[in-house]
Amino acid sequence: MGTVRLVNAVFYAHHGVMEEEHRIGGRYEVDVAARLDFYLTARRVAEAFPHVETVEVTVRKPNPPVGGTCDRAEAVYRFSRDGEPETTAGGGG
């Protein structure tokens, strides 16, 4: 199981209780968390689309605190119909 989070997604919208909020709009901050089984997710995609040979689920973190320049850190789960599941971790920079 894993958790995928969208943290502090920022939107500008025209919502609110007061009429003025509807007119001028305002900033909204949203957090979303979804728990999922990466293995099950990959298997279900493969089952739903029989022509798909490989499914890859990637979760990445931009600018990880590693003490130097690094574009991202990521974890990858790969499911292939003709092989074993594979989990990898990596980064870019």
PDB file of N, CA and C in Angstrom:
ATOM      1  N   MET A   1       0.841  -1.184   0.000  1.00  0.00           N
ATOM      2  CA  MET A   1       0.000   0.000   0.000  1.00  0.00           C
ATOM      3  C   MET A   1       0.880   1.239   0.000  1.00  0.00           C
ATOM      4  N   GLY A   2       0.365   2.266  -0.564  1.00  0.00           N
ATOM      5  CA  GLY A   2       1.070   3.531  -0.553  1.00  0.00           C
ATOM      6  C   GLY A   2       0.074   4.665  -0.529  1.00  0.00           C
ATOM      7  N   THR A   3       0.572   5.838  -0.266  1.00  0.00           N
ATOM      8  CA  THR A   3      -0.274   7.026  -0.263  1.00  0.00           C
ATOM      9  C   THR A   3       0.268   8.016  -1.273  1.00  0.00           C
ATOM     10  N   VAL A   4      -0.595   8.487  -2.125  1.00  0.00           N
ATOM     11  CA  VAL A   4      -0.252   9.531  -3.077  1.00  0.00           C
ATOM     12  C   VAL A   4      -0.924  10.799  -2.574  1.00  0.00           C
ATOM     13  N   ARG A   5      -0.161  11.864  -2.432  1.00  0.00           N
ATOM     14  CA  ARG A   5      -0.694  13.122  -1.906  1.00  0.00           C
ATOM     15  C   ARG A   5      -0.455  14.266  -2.885  1.00  0.00           C
ATOM     16  N   LEU A   6      -1.463  15.096  -3.015  1.00  0.00           N
ATOM     17  CA  LEU A   6      -1.311  16.398  -3.646  1.00  0.00           C
ATOM     18  C   LEU A   6      -1.365  17.372  -2.490  1.00  0.00           C
ATOM     19  N   VAL A   7      -0.283  18.100  -2.270  1.00  0.00           N
ATOM     20  CA  VAL A   7      -0.181  18.975  -1.112  1.00  0.00           C
ATOM     21  C   VAL A   7      -0.146  20.428  -1.572  1.00  0.00           C
ATOM     22  N   ASN A   8      -1.062  21.199  -1.023  1.00  0.00           N
ATOM     23  CA  ASN A   8      -1.145  22.626  -1.272  1.00  0.00           C
ATOM     24  C   ASN A   8      -1.317  22.954  -2.758  1.00  0.00           C
ATOM     25  N   ALA A   9      -2.251  22.239  -3.407  1.00  0.00           N
ATOM     26  CA  ALA A   9      -2.632  22.614  -4.766  1.00  0.00           C
ATOM     27  C   ALA A   9      -3.392  23.935  -4.652  1.00  0.00           C
ATOM     28  N   VAL A  10      -2.981  24.951  -5.380  1.00  0.00           N
ATOM     29  CA  VAL A  10      -3.540  26.298  -5.220  1.00  0.00           C
ATOM     30  C   VAL A  10      -4.376  26.654  -6.440  1.00  0.00           C
ATOM     31  N   PHE A  11      -5.583  27.160  -6.160  1.00  0.00           N
ATOM     32  CA  PHE A  11      -6.516  27.553  -7.209  1.00  0.00           C
ATOM     33  C   PHE A  11      -7.095  28.925  -6.887  1.00  0.00           C
ATOM     34  N   TYR A  12      -7.477  29.632  -7.914  1.00  0.00           N
ATOM     35  CA  TYR A  12      -8.187  30.891  -7.746  1.00  0.00           C
ATOM     36  C   TYR A  12      -9.589  30.651  -8.270  1.00  0.00           C
ATOM     37  N   ALA A  13     -10.608  30.954  -7.471  1.00  0.00           N
ATOM     38  CA  ALA A  13     -11.984  30.678  -7.872  1.00  0.00           C
ATOM     39  C   ALA A  13     -12.923  31.738  -7.312  1.00  0.00           C
ATOM     40  N   HIS A  14     -14.100  31.776  -7.858  1.00  0.00           N
ATOM     41  CA  HIS A  14     -15.130  32.741  -7.455  1.00  0.00           C
ATOM     42  C   HIS A  14     -16.211  32.011  -6.662  1.00  0.00           C
ATOM     43  N   HIS A  15     -15.922  31.652  -5.423  1.00  0.00           N
ATOM     44  CA  HIS A  15     -16.839  30.949  -4.527  1.00  0.00           C
ATOM     45  C   HIS A  15     -16.839  31.661  -3.189  1.00  0.00           C
ATOM     46  N   GLY A  16     -17.818  31.354  -2.372  1.00  0.00           N
ATOM     47  CA  GLY A  16     -17.847  31.899  -1.029  1.00  0.00           C
ATOM     48  C   GLY A  16     -19.258  32.211  -0.567  1.00  0.00           C
ATOM     49  N   VAL A  17     -19.343  32.648   0.661  1.00  0.00           N
ATOM     50  CA  VAL A  17     -20.633  32.965   1.267  1.00  0.00           C
ATOM     51  C   VAL A  17     -21.102  34.357   0.854  1.00  0.00           C
ATOM     52  N   MET A  18     -20.197  35.299   0.833  1.00  0.00           N
ATOM     53  CA  MET A  18     -20.526  36.688   0.551  1.00  0.00           C
ATOM     54  C   MET A  18     -20.564  36.946  -0.960  1.00  0.00           C
ATOM     55  N   GLU A  19     -21.424  37.876  -1.365  1.00  0.00           N
ATOM     56  CA  GLU A  19     -21.529  38.247  -2.779  1.00  0.00           C
ATOM     57  C   GLU A  19     -20.197  38.768  -3.319  1.00  0.00           C
ATOM     58  N   GLU A  20     -19.483  39.507  -2.491  1.00  0.00           N
ATOM     59  CA  GLU A  20     -18.183  40.055  -2.896  1.00  0.00           C
ATOM     60  C   GLU A  20     -17.191  38.940  -3.232  1.00  0.00           C
ATOM     61  N   GLU A  21     -17.239  37.830  -2.481  1.00  0.00           N
ATOM     62  CA  GLU A  21     -16.349  36.701  -2.765  1.00  0.00           C
ATOM     63  C   GLU A  21     -16.627  36.138  -4.152  1.00  0.00           C
ATOM     64  N   HIS A  22     -17.882  36.109  -4.551  1.00  0.00           N
ATOM     65  CA  HIS A  22     -18.236  35.628  -5.879  1.00  0.00           C
ATOM     66  C   HIS A  22     -17.744  36.588  -6.955  1.00  0.00           C
ATOM     67  N   ARG A  23     -17.758  37.866  -6.649  1.00  0.00           N
ATOM     68  CA  ARG A  23     -17.365  38.877  -7.629  1.00  0.00           C
ATOM     69  C   ARG A  23     -15.853  38.949  -7.810  1.00  0.00           C
ATOM     70  N   ILE A  24     -15.111  39.050  -6.698  1.00  0.00           N
ATOM     71  CA  ILE A  24     -13.658  39.244  -6.828  1.00  0.00           C
ATOM     72  C   ILE A  24     -12.867  37.938  -6.750  1.00  0.00           C
ATOM     73  N   GLY A  25     -13.474  36.884  -6.243  1.00  0.00           N
ATOM     74  CA  GLY A  25     -12.789  35.595  -6.153  1.00  0.00           C
ATOM     75  C   GLY A  25     -11.784  35.550  -5.023  1.00  0.00           C
ATOM     76  N   GLY A  26     -11.135  34.433  -4.902  1.00  0.00           N
ATOM     77  CA  GLY A  26     -10.145  34.269  -3.850  1.00  0.00           C
ATOM     78  C   GLY A  26      -9.283  33.039  -4.077  1.00  0.00           C
ATOM     79  N   ARG A  27      -8.249  32.956  -3.283  1.00  0.00           N
ATOM     80  CA  ARG A  27      -7.292  31.857  -3.369  1.00  0.00           C
ATOM     81  C   ARG A  27      -7.784  30.693  -2.503  1.00  0.00           C
ATOM     82  N   TYR A  28      -7.699  29.482  -3.045  1.00  0.00           N
ATOM     83  CA  TYR A  28      -8.066  28.269  -2.322  1.00  0.00           C
ATOM     84  C   TYR A  28      -6.880  27.321  -2.342  1.00  0.00           C
ATOM     85  N   GLU A  29      -6.634  26.682  -1.204  1.00  0.00           N
ATOM     86  CA  GLU A  29      -5.558  25.697  -1.088  1.00  0.00           C
ATOM     87  C   GLU A  29      -6.193  24.343  -0.782  1.00  0.00           C
ATOM     88  N   VAL A  30      -5.760  23.320  -1.507  1.00  0.00           N
ATOM     89  CA  VAL A  30      -6.375  22.004  -1.390  1.00  0.00           C
ATOM     90  C   VAL A  30      -5.308  20.944  -1.171  1.00  0.00           C
ATOM     91  N   ASP A  31      -5.561  20.050  -0.223  1.00  0.00           N
ATOM     92  CA  ASP A  31      -4.742  18.853  -0.017  1.00  0.00           C
ATOM     93  C   ASP A  31      -5.608  17.639  -0.310  1.00  0.00           C
ATOM     94  N   VAL A  32      -5.055  16.651  -1.014  1.00  0.00           N
ATOM     95  CA  VAL A  32      -5.768  15.421  -1.325  1.00  0.00           C
ATOM     96  C   VAL A  32      -4.833  14.262  -1.031  1.00  0.00           C
ATOM     97  N   ALA A  33      -5.349  13.225  -0.361  1.00  0.00           N
ATOM     98  CA  ALA A  33      -4.561  12.014  -0.111  1.00  0.00           C
ATOM     99  C   ALA A  33      -5.366  10.811  -0.586  1.00  0.00           C
ATOM    100  N   ALA A  34      -4.704   9.914  -1.283  1.00  0.00           N
ATOM    101  CA  ALA A  34      -5.342   8.684  -1.757  1.00  0.00           C
ATOM    102  C   ALA A  34      -4.441   7.510  -1.418  1.00  0.00           C
ATOM    103  N   ARG A  35      -4.974   6.559  -0.650  1.00  0.00           N
ATOM    104  CA  ARG A  35      -4.223   5.343  -0.361  1.00  0.00           C
ATOM    105  C   ARG A  35      -4.508   4.331  -1.463  1.00  0.00           C
ATOM    106  N   LEU A  36      -3.458   3.714  -1.962  1.00  0.00           N
ATOM    107  CA  LEU A  36      -3.668   2.720  -2.999  1.00  0.00           C
ATOM    108  C   LEU A  36      -2.581   1.668  -2.973  1.00  0.00           C
ATOM    109  N   ASP A  37      -2.944   0.551  -3.509  1.00  0.00           N
ATOM    110  CA  ASP A  37      -2.028  -0.578  -3.642  1.00  0.00           C
ATOM    111  C   ASP A  37      -1.457  -0.499  -5.055  1.00  0.00           C
ATOM    112  N   PHE A  38      -0.183  -0.134  -5.176  1.00  0.00           N
ATOM    113  CA  PHE A  38       0.419   0.049  -6.492  1.00  0.00           C
ATOM    114  C   PHE A  38       0.351  -1.235  -7.319  1.00  0.00           C
ATOM    115  N   TYR A  39       0.559  -2.364  -6.664  1.00  0.00           N
ATOM    116  CA  TYR A  39       0.491  -3.653  -7.362  1.00  0.00           C
ATOM    117  C   TYR A  39      -0.910  -3.875  -7.919  1.00  0.00           C
ATOM    118  N   LEU A  40      -1.926  -3.676  -7.071  1.00  0.00           N
ATOM    119  CA  LEU A  40      -3.302  -3.879  -7.494  1.00  0.00           C
ATOM    120  C   LEU A  40      -3.698  -2.891  -8.583  1.00  0.00           C
ATOM    121  N   THR A  41      -3.252  -1.661  -8.464  1.00  0.00           N
ATOM    122  CA  THR A  41      -3.545  -0.652  -9.479  1.00  0.00           C
ATOM    123  C   THR A  41      -2.987  -1.073 -10.829  1.00  0.00           C
ATOM    124  N   ALA A  42      -1.747  -1.505 -10.847  1.00  0.00           N
ATOM    125  CA  ALA A  42      -1.118  -1.943 -12.095  1.00  0.00           C
ATOM    126  C   ALA A  42      -1.830  -3.165 -12.664  1.00  0.00           C
ATOM    127  N   ARG A  43      -2.187  -4.125 -11.802  1.00  0.00           N
ATOM    128  CA  ARG A  43      -2.892  -5.335 -12.257  1.00  0.00           C
ATOM    129  C   ARG A  43      -4.251  -4.992 -12.860  1.00  0.00           C
ATOM    130  N   ARG A  44      -4.974  -4.080 -12.211  1.00  0.00           N
ATOM    131  CA  ARG A  44      -6.310  -3.717 -12.716  1.00  0.00           C
ATOM    132  C   ARG A  44      -6.236  -3.003 -14.058  1.00  0.00           C
ATOM    133  N   VAL A  45      -5.245  -2.163 -14.230  1.00  0.00           N
ATOM    134  CA  VAL A  45      -5.074  -1.514 -15.537  1.00  0.00           C
ATOM    135  C   VAL A  45      -4.791  -2.578 -16.588  1.00  0.00           C
ATOM    136  N   ALA A  46      -3.925  -3.535 -16.268  1.00  0.00           N
ATOM    137  CA  ALA A  46      -3.592  -4.613 -17.209  1.00  0.00           C
ATOM    138  C   ALA A  46      -4.822  -5.476 -17.522  1.00  0.00           C
ATOM    139  N   GLU A  47      -5.652  -5.733 -16.519  1.00  0.00           N
ATOM    140  CA  GLU A  47      -6.865  -6.529 -16.740  1.00  0.00           C
ATOM    141  C   GLU A  47      -7.886  -5.774 -17.588  1.00  0.00           C
ATOM    142  N   ALA A  48      -8.018  -4.474 -17.348  1.00  0.00           N
ATOM    143  CA  ALA A  48      -8.996  -3.671 -18.083  1.00  0.00           C
ATOM    144  C   ALA A  48      -8.598  -3.464 -19.542  1.00  0.00           C
ATOM    145  N   PHE A  49      -7.304  -3.513 -19.804  1.00  0.00           N
ATOM    146  CA  PHE A  49      -6.797  -3.284 -21.155  1.00  0.00           C
ATOM    147  C   PHE A  49      -5.889  -4.449 -21.540  1.00  0.00           C
ATOM    148  N   PRO A  50      -6.470  -5.541 -22.040  1.00  0.00           N
ATOM    149  CA  PRO A  50      -5.690  -6.749 -22.321  1.00  0.00           C
ATOM    150  C   PRO A  50      -4.552  -6.551 -23.325  1.00  0.00           C
ATOM    151  N   HIS A  51      -4.631  -5.530 -24.153  1.00  0.00           N
ATOM    152  CA  HIS A  51      -3.577  -5.279 -25.139  1.00  0.00           C
ATOM    153  C   HIS A  51      -2.359  -4.603 -24.518  1.00  0.00           C
ATOM    154  N   VAL A  52      -2.476  -4.141 -23.259  1.00  0.00           N
ATOM    155  CA  VAL A  52      -1.355  -3.488 -22.584  1.00  0.00           C
ATOM    156  C   VAL A  52      -0.408  -4.563 -22.040  1.00  0.00           C
ATOM    157  N   GLU A  53       0.846  -4.493 -22.406  1.00  0.00           N
ATOM    158  CA  GLU A  53       1.833  -5.481 -21.973  1.00  0.00           C
ATOM    159  C   GLU A  53       2.466  -5.129 -20.634  1.00  0.00           C
ATOM    160  N   THR A  54       2.691  -3.839 -20.396  1.00  0.00           N
ATOM    161  CA  THR A  54       3.368  -3.391 -19.185  1.00  0.00           C
ATOM    162  C   THR A  54       2.658  -2.166 -18.627  1.00  0.00           C
ATOM    163  N   VAL A  55       2.525  -2.126 -17.301  1.00  0.00           N
ATOM    164  CA  VAL A  55       1.952  -0.968 -16.621  1.00  0.00           C
ATOM    165  C   VAL A  55       2.988  -0.465 -15.636  1.00  0.00           C
ATOM    166  N   GLU A  56       3.185   0.847 -15.596  1.00  0.00           N
ATOM    167  CA  GLU A  56       4.153   1.441 -14.691  1.00  0.00           C
ATOM    168  C   GLU A  56       3.471   2.546 -13.886  1.00  0.00           C
ATOM    169  N   VAL A  57       3.622   2.486 -12.566  1.00  0.00           N
ATOM    170  CA  VAL A  57       3.089   3.506 -11.667  1.00  0.00           C
ATOM    171  C   VAL A  57       4.283   4.224 -11.050  1.00  0.00           C
ATOM    172  N   THR A  58       4.351   5.546 -11.195  1.00  0.00           N
ATOM    173  CA  THR A  58       5.471   6.332 -10.686  1.00  0.00           C
ATOM    174  C   THR A  58       4.960   7.398  -9.723  1.00  0.00           C
ATOM    175  N   VAL A  59       5.624   7.492  -8.576  1.00  0.00           N
ATOM    176  CA  VAL A  59       5.349   8.559  -7.620  1.00  0.00           C
ATOM    177  C   VAL A  59       6.649   9.324  -7.450  1.00  0.00           C
ATOM    178  N   ARG A  60       6.600  10.643  -7.622  1.00  0.00           N
ATOM    179  CA  ARG A  60       7.841  11.409  -7.552  1.00  0.00           C
ATOM    180  C   ARG A  60       7.724  12.582  -6.601  1.00  0.00           C
ATOM    181  N   LYS A  61       8.884  12.987  -6.086  1.00  0.00           N
ATOM    182  CA  LYS A  61       8.983  14.167  -5.230  1.00  0.00           C
ATOM    183  C   LYS A  61       9.988  15.109  -5.874  1.00  0.00           C
ATOM    184  N   PRO A  62       9.525  16.310  -6.273  1.00  0.00           N
ATOM    185  CA  PRO A  62      10.457  17.260  -6.859  1.00  0.00           C
ATOM    186  C   PRO A  62      11.328  17.906  -5.783  1.00  0.00           C
ATOM    187  N   ASN A  63      12.545  18.218  -6.150  1.00  0.00           N
ATOM    188  CA  ASN A  63      13.489  18.922  -5.276  1.00  0.00           C
ATOM    189  C   ASN A  63      13.631  18.299  -3.888  1.00  0.00           C
ATOM    190  N   PRO A  64      14.013  17.026  -3.790  1.00  0.00           N
ATOM    191  CA  PRO A  64      14.166  16.417  -2.466  1.00  0.00           C
ATOM    192  C   PRO A  64      15.361  17.023  -1.722  1.00  0.00           C
ATOM    193  N   PRO A  65      15.291  17.065  -0.399  1.00  0.00           N
ATOM    194  CA  PRO A  65      16.376  17.674   0.381  1.00  0.00           C
ATOM    195  C   PRO A  65      17.557  16.718   0.529  1.00  0.00           C
ATOM    196  N   VAL A  66      18.430  16.680  -0.466  1.00  0.00           N
ATOM    197  CA  VAL A  66      19.552  15.747  -0.453  1.00  0.00           C
ATOM    198  C   VAL A  66      20.905  16.440  -0.280  1.00  0.00           C
ATOM    199  N   GLY A  67      20.884  17.729  -0.027  1.00  0.00           N
ATOM    200  CA  GLY A  67      22.143  18.442   0.191  1.00  0.00           C
ATOM    201  C   GLY A  67      22.841  18.865  -1.078  1.00  0.00           C
ATOM    202  N   GLY A  68      22.165  18.767  -2.196  1.00  0.00           N
ATOM    203  CA  GLY A  68      22.741  19.179  -3.470  1.00  0.00           C
ATOM    204  C   GLY A  68      21.635  19.280  -4.499  1.00  0.00           C
ATOM    205  N   THR A  69      22.023  19.482  -5.750  1.00  0.00           N
ATOM    206  CA  THR A  69      21.039  19.612  -6.813  1.00  0.00           C
ATOM    207  C   THR A  69      20.457  18.253  -7.166  1.00  0.00           C
ATOM    208  N   CYS A  70      19.145  18.186  -7.161  1.00  0.00           N
ATOM    209  CA  CYS A  70      18.443  16.964  -7.559  1.00  0.00           C
ATOM    210  C   CYS A  70      17.053  17.361  -8.037  1.00  0.00           C
ATOM    211  N   ASP A  71      16.715  17.058  -9.278  1.00  0.00           N
ATOM    212  CA  ASP A  71      15.413  17.432  -9.826  1.00  0.00           C
ATOM    213  C   ASP A  71      14.264  16.733  -9.121  1.00  0.00           C
ATOM    214  N   ARG A  72      14.443  15.435  -8.807  1.00  0.00           N
ATOM    215  CA  ARG A  72      13.340  14.685  -8.214  1.00  0.00           C
ATOM    216  C   ARG A  72      13.836  13.362  -7.640  1.00  0.00           C
ATOM    217  N   ALA A  73      13.050  12.831  -6.722  1.00  0.00           N
ATOM    218  CA  ALA A  73      13.217  11.463  -6.253  1.00  0.00           C
ATOM    219  C   ALA A  73      11.941  10.734  -6.644  1.00  0.00           C
ATOM    220  N   GLU A  74      12.043   9.472  -7.021  1.00  0.00           N
ATOM    221  CA  GLU A  74      10.829   8.771  -7.418  1.00  0.00           C
ATOM    222  C   GLU A  74      10.892   7.295  -7.092  1.00  0.00           C
ATOM    223  N   ALA A  75       9.700   6.741  -6.889  1.00  0.00           N
ATOM    224  CA  ALA A  75       9.536   5.299  -6.709  1.00  0.00           C
ATOM    225  C   ALA A  75       8.690   4.807  -7.875  1.00  0.00           C
ATOM    226  N   VAL A  76       9.087   3.692  -8.458  1.00  0.00           N
ATOM    227  CA  VAL A  76       8.404   3.164  -9.632  1.00  0.00           C
ATOM    228  C   VAL A  76       8.020   1.711  -9.378  1.00  0.00           C
ATOM    229  N   TYR A  77       6.771   1.377  -9.672  1.00  0.00           N
ATOM    230  CA  TYR A  77       6.329  -0.014  -9.647  1.00  0.00           C
ATOM    231  C   TYR A  77       5.960  -0.370 -11.078  1.00  0.00           C
ATOM    232  N   ARG A  78       6.523  -1.472 -11.567  1.00  0.00           N
ATOM    233  CA  ARG A  78       6.274  -1.892 -12.939  1.00  0.00           C
ATOM    234  C   ARG A  78       5.738  -3.312 -12.936  1.00  0.00           C
ATOM    235  N   PHE A  79       4.609  -3.510 -13.617  1.00  0.00           N
ATOM    236  CA  PHE A  79       4.016  -4.832 -13.767  1.00  0.00           C
ATOM    237  C   PHE A  79       4.051  -5.192 -15.240  1.00  0.00           C
ATOM    238  N   SER A  80       4.562  -6.380 -15.543  1.00  0.00           N
ATOM    239  CA  SER A  80       4.631  -6.848 -16.913  1.00  0.00           C
ATOM    240  C   SER A  80       3.938  -8.197 -17.009  1.00  0.00           C
ATOM    241  N   ARG A  81       3.159  -8.410 -18.051  1.00  0.00           N
ATOM    242  CA  ARG A  81       2.432  -9.674 -18.215  1.00  0.00           C
ATOM    243  C   ARG A  81       3.382 -10.870 -18.328  1.00  0.00           C
ATOM    244  N   ASP A  82       4.553 -10.643 -18.873  1.00  0.00           N
ATOM    245  CA  ASP A  82       5.464 -11.768 -19.097  1.00  0.00           C
ATOM    246  C   ASP A  82       6.616 -11.828 -18.115  1.00  0.00           C
ATOM    247  N   GLY A  83       6.496 -11.138 -16.993  1.00  0.00           N
ATOM    248  CA  GLY A  83       7.588 -11.170 -16.038  1.00  0.00           C
ATOM    249  C   GLY A  83       7.117 -10.902 -14.624  1.00  0.00           C
ATOM    250  N   GLU A  84       8.069 -10.795 -13.749  1.00  0.00           N
ATOM    251  CA  GLU A  84       7.795 -10.527 -12.333  1.00  0.00           C
ATOM    252  C   GLU A  84       7.562  -9.046 -12.112  1.00  0.00           C
ATOM    253  N   PRO A  85       6.782  -8.712 -11.080  1.00  0.00           N
ATOM    254  CA  PRO A  85       6.647  -7.293 -10.710  1.00  0.00           C
ATOM    255  C   PRO A  85       8.013  -6.729 -10.341  1.00  0.00           C
ATOM    256  N   GLU A  86       8.194  -5.455 -10.581  1.00  0.00           N
ATOM    257  CA  GLU A  86       9.479  -4.824 -10.315  1.00  0.00           C
ATOM    258  C   GLU A  86       9.247  -3.477  -9.628  1.00  0.00           C
ATOM    259  N   THR A  87       9.942  -3.242  -8.534  1.00  0.00           N
ATOM    260  CA  THR A  87       9.877  -1.960  -7.846  1.00  0.00           C
ATOM    261  C   THR A  87      11.266  -1.356  -7.865  1.00  0.00           C
ATOM    262  N   THR A  88      11.342  -0.072  -8.242  1.00  0.00           N
ATOM    263  CA  THR A  88      12.633   0.606  -8.284  1.00  0.00           C
ATOM    264  C   THR A  88      12.500   1.970  -7.621  1.00  0.00           C
ATOM    265  N   ALA A  89      13.617   2.526  -7.256  1.00  0.00           N
ATOM    266  CA  ALA A  89      13.646   3.899  -6.736  1.00  0.00           C
ATOM    267  C   ALA A  89      14.767   4.612  -7.473  1.00  0.00           C
ATOM    268  N   GLY A  90      14.580   5.880  -7.696  1.00  0.00           N
ATOM    269  CA  GLY A  90      15.621   6.618  -8.410  1.00  0.00           C
ATOM    270  C   GLY A  90      15.414   8.092  -8.266  1.00  0.00           C
ATOM    271  N   GLY A  91      16.217   8.818  -8.965  1.00  0.00           N
ATOM    272  CA  GLY A  91      16.117  10.276  -8.931  1.00  0.00           C
ATOM    273  C   GLY A  91      16.690  10.846 -10.187  1.00  0.00           C
ATOM    274  N   GLY A  92      16.573  12.114 -10.305  1.00  0.00           N
ATOM    275  CA  GLY A  92      17.105  12.788 -11.487  1.00  0.00           C
ATOM    276  C   GLY A  92      17.816  14.049 -11.055  1.00  0.00           C
ATOM    277  N   GLY A  93      18.668  14.514 -11.858  1.00  0.00           N
ATOM    278  CA  GLY A  93      19.335  15.755 -11.478  1.00  0.00           C
ATOM    279  C   GLY A  93      20.299  16.204 -12.513  1.00  0.00           C
TER     280      GLY A  93
END
